[in-house]
Structures are given as structure tokens and as C-alpha cells.
């Protein structure tokens, strides 16, 4: 029995990586760089809130609705898949002031919209996968939802 027999496999792997004997695969390094590029320095991450279904409502065929809140802003986000494309609609409340922008982000693109006077917004035709919504208000930190994974 060697000393290595007493060490857990994950510890041996960590030691090999630290010694450079087991380099990080290129795809893992690239994924880490891609994830780092998606961050929003200074943004406030909105906490998710459970939305109770309406009494008597059926869940089958309904779009996924998510609610997030932070820094005095509530974001209701409705996500649907239509013909393999992602549609995101929602509402910011209280109704935003002038020059507020809503950005719907995927890992590959971001589309900005000015919300209506009542705070409604929509972006259609996005690829399915990861999506996040950011509310940008003048003179305030952006408020961002966590990333949602949407698939068929």
C-alpha cells in the first residue's frame, strides 16, 4: 500500500493539476473565459421569487414565468419556445422612468429594448439556451436576473 492509496481521487487530481502534470483541457479554459466575459461588474443580482399559480389554472402549455426583485425593481419574465426560437416578454415594475433600457442577453448576443410606459418589453427570435434580463436605469446600478436555461 502506498501513500497515494490513502488520498481521495479528487485530491490527487488537484495535486496533479497544481503541479502542471494534468493541464486544464482547452475547452474548459475557453468555457471559463466565455463565462467571465458575461459578468456585469457593479450589477445587482435580482433574487428569484416564487409565483403562485392562479387558482384553477392549468400548467400544461403555459409559458414559464419568473419573478425577480432587487434594488426597488421587480422583473416579471415570461419565456416561451416557438418553432425552436426563444421569445422573452415581461414587465418592469414600478413603471420605469425615461431612458430605462431592458437588455435580454444570451451567451452570444444581447438585445436592448425601451420598455413601454407601463414597463412591458419583448424580444423574440433568440436561440434556445441560456438567457438573462438586465434593467438599466440612468444613474443606478443595473439589475440583472440570474441566468435561466430554456430548452425544448
Foldseek 3Di string as FASTA:
>chain_A
DDPVVPDDPVVVVVVCCVVVNDDDDPVVVVVVVLVVVPDDPQAAEWDKDDDDDDVPDDPPPAWDWIWTDDDQKIWIWTWDADPQKIKIKTFIPPQADPPKWKWKDDSVDIDIDDADSNGIDMDIGHHAFWIKMWIDHPPHHIYIYDIDHGDD
